[in-house]
C-alpha atoms as a PDB file:
ATOM      1  CA  UNK A   1       9.365   3.067 -10.446  1.00  0.00           C
ATOM      2  CA  UNK A   2       9.729  -0.246 -12.214  1.00  0.00           C
ATOM      3  CA  UNK A   3       8.882  -0.414 -15.933  1.00  0.00           C
ATOM      4  CA  UNK A   4       5.593  -2.204 -15.185  1.00  0.00           C
ATOM      5  CA  UNK A   5       4.374   0.875 -13.238  1.00  0.00           C
ATOM      6  CA  UNK A   6       4.907  -0.752  -9.845  1.00  0.00           C
ATOM      7  CA  UNK A   7       6.644   0.747  -6.845  1.00  0.00           C
ATOM      8  CA  UNK A   8      10.198   0.153  -5.781  1.00  0.00           C
ATOM      9  CA  UNK A   9      10.840  -0.344  -2.055  1.00  0.00           C
ATOM     10  CA  UNK A  10      12.103   3.249  -1.864  1.00  0.00           C
ATOM     11  CA  UNK A  11       8.877   4.541  -3.400  1.00  0.00           C
ATOM     12  CA  UNK A  12       6.841   2.479  -0.939  1.00  0.00           C
ATOM     13  CA  UNK A  13       8.550   4.397   1.868  1.00  0.00           C
ATOM     14  CA  UNK A  14       7.863   7.652   0.045  1.00  0.00           C
ATOM     15  CA  UNK A  15       4.199   6.665  -0.241  1.00  0.00           C
ATOM     16  CA  UNK A  16       4.093   5.946   3.492  1.00  0.00           C
ATOM     17  CA  UNK A  17       5.713   9.272   4.439  1.00  0.00           C
ATOM     18  CA  UNK A  18       3.611  11.407   2.102  1.00  0.00           C
ATOM     19  CA  UNK A  19       0.384   9.618   3.015  1.00  0.00           C
ATOM     20  CA  UNK A  20       1.130   9.996   6.703  1.00  0.00           C
ATOM     21  CA  UNK A  21       1.679  13.741   6.306  1.00  0.00           C
ATOM     22  CA  UNK A  22      -1.397  14.104   4.115  1.00  0.00           C
ATOM     23  CA  UNK A  23      -3.400  12.729   7.004  1.00  0.00           C
ATOM     24  CA  UNK A  24      -1.847  14.964   9.645  1.00  0.00           C
ATOM     25  CA  UNK A  25       1.075  17.428   9.669  1.00  0.00           C
ATOM     26  CA  UNK A  26       3.591  16.478  12.357  1.00  0.00           C
ATOM     27  CA  UNK A  27       7.103  17.048  13.676  1.00  0.00           C
ATOM     28  CA  UNK A  28      10.037  15.439  11.885  1.00  0.00           C
ATOM     29  CA  UNK A  29      10.716  12.848  14.601  1.00  0.00           C
ATOM     30  CA  UNK A  30       7.047  11.812  14.747  1.00  0.00           C
ATOM     31  CA  UNK A  31       7.005  11.282  10.977  1.00  0.00           C
ATOM     32  CA  UNK A  32      10.165   9.180  11.058  1.00  0.00           C
ATOM     33  CA  UNK A  33       8.721   7.094  13.902  1.00  0.00           C
ATOM     34  CA  UNK A  34       5.324   6.667  12.171  1.00  0.00           C
ATOM     35  CA  UNK A  35       6.916   5.508   8.899  1.00  0.00           C
ATOM     36  CA  UNK A  36       9.401   3.188  10.605  1.00  0.00           C
ATOM     37  CA  UNK A  37       6.704   1.726  12.870  1.00  0.00           C
ATOM     38  CA  UNK A  38       4.225   1.020  10.069  1.00  0.00           C
ATOM     39  CA  UNK A  39       6.786  -0.390   7.635  1.00  0.00           C
ATOM     40  CA  UNK A  40       8.544  -2.584  10.185  1.00  0.00           C
ATOM     41  CA  UNK A  41       5.236  -4.030  11.441  1.00  0.00           C
ATOM     42  CA  UNK A  42       4.314  -5.103   7.904  1.00  0.00           C
ATOM     43  CA  UNK A  43       7.703  -6.248   6.604  1.00  0.00           C
ATOM     44  CA  UNK A  44       9.802  -6.746   9.707  1.00  0.00           C
ATOM     45  CA  UNK A  45      12.997  -4.766  10.283  1.00  0.00           C
ATOM     46  CA  UNK A  46      14.776  -3.934   7.047  1.00  0.00           C
ATOM     47  CA  UNK A  47      17.628  -1.521   6.432  1.00  0.00           C
ATOM     48  CA  UNK A  48      16.785  -1.545   2.722  1.00  0.00           C
ATOM     49  CA  UNK A  49      13.389  -0.026   3.444  1.00  0.00           C
ATOM     50  CA  UNK A  50      14.588   2.656   5.838  1.00  0.00           C
ATOM     51  CA  UNK A  51      16.778   4.428   3.285  1.00  0.00           C
ATOM     52  CA  UNK A  52      14.301   7.109   2.122  1.00  0.00           C
ATOM     53  CA  UNK A  53      15.299  10.394   3.631  1.00  0.00           C
ATOM     54  CA  UNK A  54      12.737  12.889   4.863  1.00  0.00           C
ATOM     55  CA  UNK A  55      15.311  15.522   3.921  1.00  0.00           C
ATOM     56  CA  UNK A  56      15.089  14.367   0.306  1.00  0.00           C
ATOM     57  CA  UNK A  57      11.316  14.906   0.365  1.00  0.00           C
ATOM     58  CA  UNK A  58      11.952  18.446   1.578  1.00  0.00           C
ATOM     59  CA  UNK A  59      14.606  18.999  -1.102  1.00  0.00           C
ATOM     60  CA  UNK A  60      12.154  17.822  -3.789  1.00  0.00           C
ATOM     61  CA  UNK A  61       9.521  20.255  -2.434  1.00  0.00           C
ATOM     62  CA  UNK A  62       7.132  17.416  -1.602  1.00  0.00           C
ATOM     63  CA  UNK A  63       6.994  18.422   2.046  1.00  0.00           C
ATOM     64  CA  UNK A  64       7.733  21.700   3.784  1.00  0.00           C
ATOM     65  CA  UNK A  65       8.349  22.997   7.254  1.00  0.00           C
ATOM     66  CA  UNK A  66       5.981  25.323   9.017  1.00  0.00           C
ATOM     67  CA  UNK A  67       6.928  26.992  12.238  1.00  0.00           C
ATOM     68  CA  UNK A  68       5.207  26.115  15.442  1.00  0.00           C
ATOM     69  CA  UNK A  69       5.458  27.512  18.935  1.00  0.00           C
ATOM     70  CA  UNK A  70       7.943  24.969  20.207  1.00  0.00           C
ATOM     71  CA  UNK A  71       8.865  22.796  17.227  1.00  0.00           C
ATOM     72  CA  UNK A  72       8.863  22.736  13.458  1.00  0.00           C
ATOM     73  CA  UNK A  73       6.002  20.866  11.861  1.00  0.00           C
ATOM     74  CA  UNK A  74       6.247  19.102   8.488  1.00  0.00           C
ATOM     75  CA  UNK A  75       3.348  19.252   6.069  1.00  0.00           C
ATOM     76  CA  UNK A  76       2.753  17.960   2.574  1.00  0.00           C
ATOM     77  CA  UNK A  77       2.859  20.431  -0.322  1.00  0.00           C
ATOM     78  CA  UNK A  78       0.553  20.531  -3.338  1.00  0.00           C
ATOM     79  CA  UNK A  79       3.342  18.927  -5.372  1.00  0.00           C
ATOM     80  CA  UNK A  80       3.646  16.276  -2.649  1.00  0.00           C
ATOM     81  CA  UNK A  81      -0.110  15.565  -2.868  1.00  0.00           C
ATOM     82  CA  UNK A  82       0.219  15.087  -6.626  1.00  0.00           C
ATOM     83  CA  UNK A  83       3.167  12.732  -6.134  1.00  0.00           C
ATOM     84  CA  UNK A  84       1.205  10.848  -3.465  1.00  0.00           C
ATOM     85  CA  UNK A  85      -1.741  10.356  -5.810  1.00  0.00           C
ATOM     86  CA  UNK A  86       0.590   9.163  -8.575  1.00  0.00           C
ATOM     87  CA  UNK A  87       2.139   6.628  -6.177  1.00  0.00           C
ATOM     88  CA  UNK A  88      -1.306   5.421  -5.136  1.00  0.00           C
ATOM     89  CA  UNK A  89      -2.334   4.892  -8.782  1.00  0.00           C
ATOM     90  CA  UNK A  90       0.442   2.417  -9.539  1.00  0.00           C
ATOM     91  CA  UNK A  91       0.030  -1.274 -10.231  1.00  0.00           C
ATOM     92  CA  UNK A  92       0.931  -4.058  -7.845  1.00  0.00           C
ATOM     93  CA  UNK A  93       3.509  -6.667  -8.817  1.00  0.00           C
ATOM     94  CA  UNK A  94       2.424 -10.238  -9.292  1.00  0.00           C
ATOM     95  CA  UNK A  95       3.409 -12.621  -6.533  1.00  0.00           C
ATOM     96  CA  UNK A  96       3.622 -12.170  -2.837  1.00  0.00           C
ATOM     97  CA  UNK A  97       6.272 -10.944  -0.505  1.00  0.00           C
ATOM     98  CA  UNK A  98       6.971  -8.362   2.122  1.00  0.00           C
ATOM     99  CA  UNK A  99       7.167  -5.458  -0.318  1.00  0.00           C
ATOM    100  CA  UNK A 100       3.869  -6.390  -1.985  1.00  0.00           C
ATOM    101  CA  UNK A 101       2.244  -6.737   1.432  1.00  0.00           C
ATOM    102  CA  UNK A 102       3.564  -3.302   2.368  1.00  0.00           C
ATOM    103  CA  UNK A 103       2.378  -1.657  -0.831  1.00  0.00           C
ATOM    104  CA  UNK A 104      -1.038  -3.315  -0.558  1.00  0.00           C
ATOM    105  CA  UNK A 105      -1.388  -2.138   3.053  1.00  0.00           C
ATOM    106  CA  UNK A 106      -0.328   1.389   2.088  1.00  0.00           C
ATOM    107  CA  UNK A 107      -2.775   1.513  -0.806  1.00  0.00           C
ATOM    108  CA  UNK A 108      -5.577   0.428   1.514  1.00  0.00           C
ATOM    109  CA  UNK A 109      -4.494   2.813   4.284  1.00  0.00           C
ATOM    110  CA  UNK A 110      -4.432   5.854   2.015  1.00  0.00           C
ATOM    111  CA  UNK A 111      -7.127   4.819  -0.480  1.00  0.00           C
ATOM    112  CA  UNK A 112      -9.474   7.616   0.609  1.00  0.00           C
ATOM    113  CA  UNK A 113      -7.011  10.211  -0.722  1.00  0.00           C
ATOM    114  CA  UNK A 114      -8.002   9.272  -4.280  1.00  0.00           C
ATOM    115  CA  UNK A 115     -11.302  10.212  -5.928  1.00  0.00           C
ATOM    116  CA  UNK A 116     -13.911   7.467  -5.528  1.00  0.00           C
ATOM    117  CA  UNK A 117     -13.723   6.244  -9.131  1.00  0.00           C
ATOM    118  CA  UNK A 118      -9.965   5.769  -8.729  1.00  0.00           C
ATOM    119  CA  UNK A 119     -10.504   4.021  -5.402  1.00  0.00           C
ATOM    120  CA  UNK A 120     -12.637   1.479  -7.294  1.00  0.00           C
ATOM    121  CA  UNK A 121      -9.884   1.079  -9.904  1.00  0.00           C
ATOM    122  CA  UNK A 122      -7.311   0.459  -7.163  1.00  0.00           C
ATOM    123  CA  UNK A 123      -9.608  -2.093  -5.514  1.00  0.00           C
ATOM    124  CA  UNK A 124      -9.767  -3.869  -8.878  1.00  0.00           C
ATOM    125  CA  UNK A 125      -5.958  -3.929  -9.081  1.00  0.00           C
ATOM    126  CA  UNK A 126      -5.766  -5.389  -5.572  1.00  0.00           C
ATOM    127  CA  UNK A 127      -8.412  -7.998  -6.464  1.00  0.00           C
ATOM    128  CA  UNK A 128      -6.585  -9.010  -9.653  1.00  0.00           C
ATOM    129  CA  UNK A 129      -3.318  -9.361  -7.760  1.00  0.00           C
ATOM    130  CA  UNK A 130      -4.975 -11.468  -5.071  1.00  0.00           C
ATOM    131  CA  UNK A 131      -6.737 -13.659  -7.663  1.00  0.00           C
ATOM    132  CA  UNK A 132      -3.448 -14.213  -9.476  1.00  0.00           C
ATOM    133  CA  UNK A 133      -1.701 -15.209  -6.254  1.00  0.00           C
ATOM    134  CA  UNK A 134      -4.580 -17.502  -5.304  1.00  0.00           C
ATOM    135  CA  UNK A 135      -4.480 -19.211  -8.715  1.00  0.00           C
ATOM    136  CA  UNK A 136      -0.730 -19.724  -8.339  1.00  0.00           C
ATOM    137  CA  UNK A 137      -1.132 -21.337  -4.911  1.00  0.00           C
ATOM    138  CA  UNK A 138      -4.106 -23.443  -6.038  1.00  0.00           C
ATOM    139  CA  UNK A 139      -1.983 -24.767  -8.906  1.00  0.00           C
ATOM    140  CA  UNK A 140       0.921 -25.502  -6.576  1.00  0.00           C
ATOM    141  CA  UNK A 141      -1.433 -27.240  -4.152  1.00  0.00           C
ATOM    142  CA  UNK A 142      -2.886 -29.403  -6.939  1.00  0.00           C
ATOM    143  CA  UNK A 143       0.588 -30.500  -8.013  1.00  0.00           C
ATOM    144  CA  UNK A 144       1.817 -31.204  -4.481  1.00  0.00           C
ATOM    145  CA  UNK A 145      -1.058 -33.437  -3.412  1.00  0.00           C
ATOM    146  CA  UNK A 146       1.169 -36.446  -2.794  1.00  0.00           C
ATOM    147  CA  UNK A 147       4.470 -34.733  -1.953  1.00  0.00           C
ATOM    148  CA  UNK A 148       4.026 -33.923   1.711  1.00  0.00           C
ATOM    149  CA  UNK A 149       1.008 -33.715   3.945  1.00  0.00           C
ATOM    150  CA  UNK A 150       2.679 -30.877   5.858  1.00  0.00           C
ATOM    151  CA  UNK A 151       3.191 -28.854   2.690  1.00  0.00           C
ATOM    152  CA  UNK A 152      -0.387 -29.495   1.602  1.00  0.00           C
ATOM    153  CA  UNK A 153      -1.683 -28.357   4.995  1.00  0.00           C
ATOM    154  CA  UNK A 154       0.469 -25.235   4.913  1.00  0.00           C
ATOM    155  CA  UNK A 155      -0.720 -24.410   1.378  1.00  0.00           C
ATOM    156  CA  UNK A 156      -4.320 -24.893   2.518  1.00  0.00           C
ATOM    157  CA  UNK A 157      -3.759 -22.293   5.238  1.00  0.00           C
ATOM    158  CA  UNK A 158      -2.202 -19.862   2.756  1.00  0.00           C
ATOM    159  CA  UNK A 159      -5.078 -20.408   0.319  1.00  0.00           C
ATOM    160  CA  UNK A 160      -7.629 -19.862   3.073  1.00  0.00           C
ATOM    161  CA  UNK A 161      -5.963 -16.589   4.103  1.00  0.00           C
ATOM    162  CA  UNK A 162      -5.846 -15.370   0.498  1.00  0.00           C
ATOM    163  CA  UNK A 163      -9.465 -16.368  -0.052  1.00  0.00           C
ATOM    164  CA  UNK A 164     -10.464 -14.319   2.989  1.00  0.00           C
ATOM    165  CA  UNK A 165      -8.462 -11.357   1.688  1.00  0.00           C
ATOM    166  CA  UNK A 166     -10.081 -11.696  -1.723  1.00  0.00           C
ATOM    167  CA  UNK A 167     -13.582 -11.779  -0.191  1.00  0.00           C
ATOM    168  CA  UNK A 168     -12.766  -8.631   1.791  1.00  0.00           C
ATOM    169  CA  UNK A 169     -11.410  -6.845  -1.304  1.00  0.00           C
ATOM    170  CA  UNK A 170     -14.494  -7.742  -3.321  1.00  0.00           C
ATOM    171  CA  UNK A 171     -16.688  -6.350  -0.538  1.00  0.00           C
ATOM    172  CA  UNK A 172     -14.533  -3.199  -0.452  1.00  0.00           C
ATOM    173  CA  UNK A 173     -14.889  -2.729  -4.196  1.00  0.00           C
ATOM    174  CA  UNK A 174     -18.642  -3.188  -3.919  1.00  0.00           C
ATOM    175  CA  UNK A 175     -18.814  -0.596  -1.123  1.00  0.00           C
ATOM    176  CA  UNK A 176     -16.729   1.854  -3.150  1.00  0.00           C
ATOM    177  CA  UNK A 177     -18.779   1.224  -6.304  1.00  0.00           C
ATOM    178  CA  UNK A 178     -21.999   1.893  -4.397  1.00  0.00           C
ATOM    179  CA  UNK A 179     -20.475   5.114  -3.070  1.00  0.00           C
ATOM    180  CA  UNK A 180     -19.381   6.117  -6.569  1.00  0.00           C
ATOM    181  CA  UNK A 181     -22.816   5.255  -8.000  1.00  0.00           C
ATOM    182  CA  UNK A 182     -24.595   7.383  -5.407  1.00  0.00           C
ATOM    183  CA  UNK A 183     -22.445  10.361  -6.382  1.00  0.00           C
ATOM    184  CA  UNK A 184     -23.181   9.904 -10.082  1.00  0.00           C
ATOM    185  CA  UNK A 185     -26.943   9.725  -9.538  1.00  0.00           C
ATOM    186  CA  UNK A 186     -27.008  12.742  -7.222  1.00  0.00           C
END
Protein backbone atom coordinates (compact mmCIF):
# COMPACT_ATOMS: atom_id res chain seq x y z
CA UNK A 1 0.00 0.00 0.00
CA UNK A 2 1.22 3.49 -0.75
CA UNK A 3 1.85 5.86 2.17
CA UNK A 4 -1.35 7.79 1.41
CA UNK A 5 -3.41 4.62 2.12
CA UNK A 6 -4.10 3.95 -1.56
CA UNK A 7 -3.72 0.66 -3.38
CA UNK A 8 -0.80 -0.42 -5.49
CA UNK A 9 -1.59 -2.20 -8.77
CA UNK A 10 -0.73 -5.51 -7.09
CA UNK A 11 -3.21 -4.83 -4.30
CA UNK A 12 -5.89 -3.95 -6.85
CA UNK A 13 -5.49 -7.46 -8.27
CA UNK A 14 -5.65 -8.88 -4.75
CA UNK A 15 -8.86 -6.93 -4.15
CA UNK A 16 -10.32 -8.33 -7.37
CA UNK A 17 -9.40 -11.94 -6.52
CA UNK A 18 -10.60 -11.80 -2.91
CA UNK A 19 -13.81 -9.98 -3.82
CA UNK A 20 -14.53 -12.47 -6.57
CA UNK A 21 -14.12 -15.39 -4.17
CA UNK A 22 -16.16 -13.65 -1.48
CA UNK A 23 -19.01 -13.56 -3.95
CA UNK A 24 -18.72 -17.19 -5.01
CA UNK A 25 -16.19 -19.97 -4.33
CA UNK A 26 -14.82 -21.35 -7.59
CA UNK A 27 -12.11 -23.48 -9.18
CA UNK A 28 -8.62 -22.05 -9.58
CA UNK A 29 -8.85 -21.63 -13.36
CA UNK A 30 -12.23 -19.87 -13.12
CA UNK A 31 -10.81 -17.41 -10.58
CA UNK A 32 -7.78 -16.65 -12.75
CA UNK A 33 -10.06 -16.12 -15.76
CA UNK A 34 -12.51 -13.91 -13.81
CA UNK A 35 -9.73 -11.67 -12.46
CA UNK A 36 -7.93 -11.42 -15.80
CA UNK A 37 -11.18 -10.73 -17.67
CA UNK A 38 -12.37 -7.98 -15.32
CA UNK A 39 -8.99 -6.25 -15.02
CA UNK A 40 -8.19 -6.36 -18.73
CA UNK A 41 -11.63 -4.97 -19.66
CA UNK A 42 -11.07 -1.96 -17.39
CA UNK A 43 -7.38 -1.29 -18.00
CA UNK A 44 -6.58 -3.14 -21.20
CA UNK A 45 -3.97 -5.90 -21.30
CA UNK A 46 -1.16 -5.32 -18.83
CA UNK A 47 1.55 -7.70 -17.68
CA UNK A 48 2.17 -5.45 -14.67
CA UNK A 49 -1.33 -6.11 -13.40
CA UNK A 50 -1.31 -9.87 -13.91
CA UNK A 51 1.57 -10.51 -11.51
CA UNK A 52 -0.45 -11.34 -8.36
CA UNK A 53 -0.31 -15.04 -7.79
CA UNK A 54 -3.31 -16.99 -6.54
CA UNK A 55 -0.74 -19.29 -4.93
CA UNK A 56 0.49 -16.36 -2.84
CA UNK A 57 -3.05 -15.78 -1.56
CA UNK A 58 -3.15 -19.43 -0.51
CA UNK A 59 0.28 -19.16 1.13
CA UNK A 60 -0.89 -16.11 3.10
CA UNK A 61 -3.99 -18.05 4.24
CA UNK A 62 -6.33 -15.57 2.55
CA UNK A 63 -7.90 -18.30 0.44
CA UNK A 64 -8.09 -22.05 0.90
CA UNK A 65 -8.92 -25.12 -1.10
CA UNK A 66 -11.92 -27.27 -0.40
CA UNK A 67 -12.37 -30.59 -2.08
CA UNK A 68 -15.11 -31.14 -4.56
CA UNK A 69 -16.29 -34.20 -6.42
CA UNK A 70 -14.31 -33.54 -9.57
CA UNK A 71 -12.20 -30.46 -8.87
CA UNK A 72 -10.77 -28.39 -6.07
CA UNK A 73 -12.69 -25.25 -5.23
CA UNK A 74 -11.07 -22.10 -3.81
CA UNK A 75 -12.84 -20.12 -1.12
CA UNK A 76 -11.99 -17.04 0.89
CA UNK A 77 -10.96 -17.49 4.53
CA UNK A 78 -11.95 -15.31 7.48
CA UNK A 79 -8.50 -13.71 7.31
CA UNK A 80 -9.08 -13.14 3.58
CA UNK A 81 -12.42 -11.42 4.32
CA UNK A 82 -10.67 -9.11 6.78
CA UNK A 83 -7.98 -8.31 4.21
CA UNK A 84 -10.68 -7.70 1.59
CA UNK A 85 -12.48 -5.24 3.84
CA UNK A 86 -9.21 -3.44 4.59
CA UNK A 87 -8.52 -3.14 0.85
CA UNK A 88 -12.01 -1.79 0.26
CA UNK A 89 -11.55 0.88 2.96
CA UNK A 90 -8.54 2.49 1.30
CA UNK A 91 -8.42 5.92 -0.28
CA UNK A 92 -8.31 6.61 -3.99
CA UNK A 93 -5.39 8.49 -5.51
CA UNK A 94 -5.99 11.90 -7.01
CA UNK A 95 -5.97 12.04 -10.79
CA UNK A 96 -7.19 9.63 -13.36
CA UNK A 97 -5.71 6.67 -15.09
CA UNK A 98 -6.22 3.01 -15.70
CA UNK A 99 -5.31 1.95 -12.17
CA UNK A 100 -7.66 4.50 -10.59
CA UNK A 101 -10.43 3.39 -12.94
CA UNK A 102 -9.79 -0.21 -11.94
CA UNK A 103 -9.78 0.52 -8.22
CA UNK A 104 -12.93 2.64 -8.51
CA UNK A 105 -14.70 -0.14 -10.44
CA UNK A 106 -13.58 -2.73 -7.87
CA UNK A 107 -14.76 -0.60 -4.96
CA UNK A 108 -18.15 -0.21 -6.62
CA UNK A 109 -18.35 -3.89 -7.56
CA UNK A 110 -17.63 -5.12 -4.04
CA UNK A 111 -19.11 -2.21 -2.07
CA UNK A 112 -21.87 -4.37 -0.58
CA UNK A 113 -19.26 -6.40 1.33
CA UNK A 114 -18.77 -3.47 3.71
CA UNK A 115 -21.26 -2.42 6.39
CA UNK A 116 -23.64 0.27 5.14
CA UNK A 117 -22.03 3.13 7.07
CA UNK A 118 -18.68 2.25 5.48
CA UNK A 119 -20.32 2.01 2.07
CA UNK A 120 -21.41 5.64 2.53
CA UNK A 121 -17.85 6.60 3.53
CA UNK A 122 -16.47 4.91 0.40
CA UNK A 123 -19.05 6.69 -1.76
CA UNK A 124 -17.81 9.96 -0.25
CA UNK A 125 -14.22 9.07 -1.15
CA UNK A 126 -15.27 8.29 -4.72
CA UNK A 127 -17.21 11.58 -4.91
CA UNK A 128 -14.25 13.59 -3.60
CA UNK A 129 -11.93 11.96 -6.11
CA UNK A 130 -14.34 12.65 -8.96
CA UNK A 131 -14.84 16.27 -7.85
CA UNK A 132 -11.08 16.78 -7.70
CA UNK A 133 -10.62 15.36 -11.19
CA UNK A 134 -13.49 17.47 -12.52
CA UNK A 135 -12.00 20.64 -11.00
CA UNK A 136 -8.65 19.81 -12.59
CA UNK A 137 -10.21 19.37 -16.03
CA UNK A 138 -12.39 22.47 -15.66
CA UNK A 139 -9.26 24.48 -14.86
CA UNK A 140 -7.42 23.01 -17.83
CA UNK A 141 -10.39 23.74 -20.07
CA UNK A 142 -10.54 27.37 -18.88
CA UNK A 143 -6.86 27.86 -19.66
CA UNK A 144 -7.01 26.18 -23.07
CA UNK A 145 -9.93 28.18 -24.45
CA UNK A 146 -7.91 29.63 -27.32
CA UNK A 147 -5.29 26.91 -27.80
CA UNK A 148 -7.14 24.41 -29.96
CA UNK A 149 -10.78 23.88 -30.72
CA UNK A 150 -10.14 20.13 -30.90
CA UNK A 151 -8.60 20.08 -27.43
CA UNK A 152 -11.46 22.16 -26.04
CA UNK A 153 -14.01 19.79 -27.57
CA UNK A 154 -12.19 16.75 -26.21
CA UNK A 155 -12.01 18.32 -22.73
CA UNK A 156 -15.73 19.08 -22.92
CA UNK A 157 -16.41 15.40 -23.56
CA UNK A 158 -14.19 14.36 -20.64
CA UNK A 159 -15.89 16.90 -18.37
CA UNK A 160 -19.32 15.69 -19.43
CA UNK A 161 -18.39 12.07 -18.69
CA UNK A 162 -16.99 13.00 -15.27
CA UNK A 163 -20.06 15.09 -14.49
CA UNK A 164 -22.27 12.10 -15.29
CA UNK A 165 -20.12 9.89 -13.06
CA UNK A 166 -20.30 12.44 -10.26
CA UNK A 167 -24.11 12.64 -10.53
CA UNK A 168 -24.31 8.85 -10.35
CA UNK A 169 -22.00 8.71 -7.31
CA UNK A 170 -24.03 11.36 -5.51
CA UNK A 171 -27.20 9.36 -6.18
CA UNK A 172 -25.44 6.21 -4.93
CA UNK A 173 -24.39 7.95 -1.73
CA UNK A 174 -27.93 9.20 -1.21
CA UNK A 175 -29.31 5.68 -1.72
CA UNK A 176 -26.78 4.24 0.73
CA UNK A 177 -27.44 7.00 3.27
CA UNK A 178 -31.18 6.33 3.09
CA UNK A 179 -30.48 2.63 3.62
CA UNK A 180 -28.21 3.41 6.57
CA UNK A 181 -30.79 5.82 8.05
CA UNK A 182 -33.55 3.22 7.84
CA UNK A 183 -31.39 0.77 9.80
CA UNK A 184 -30.64 3.33 12.51
CA UNK A 185 -34.31 4.22 12.99
CA UNK A 186 -35.44 0.59 13.07
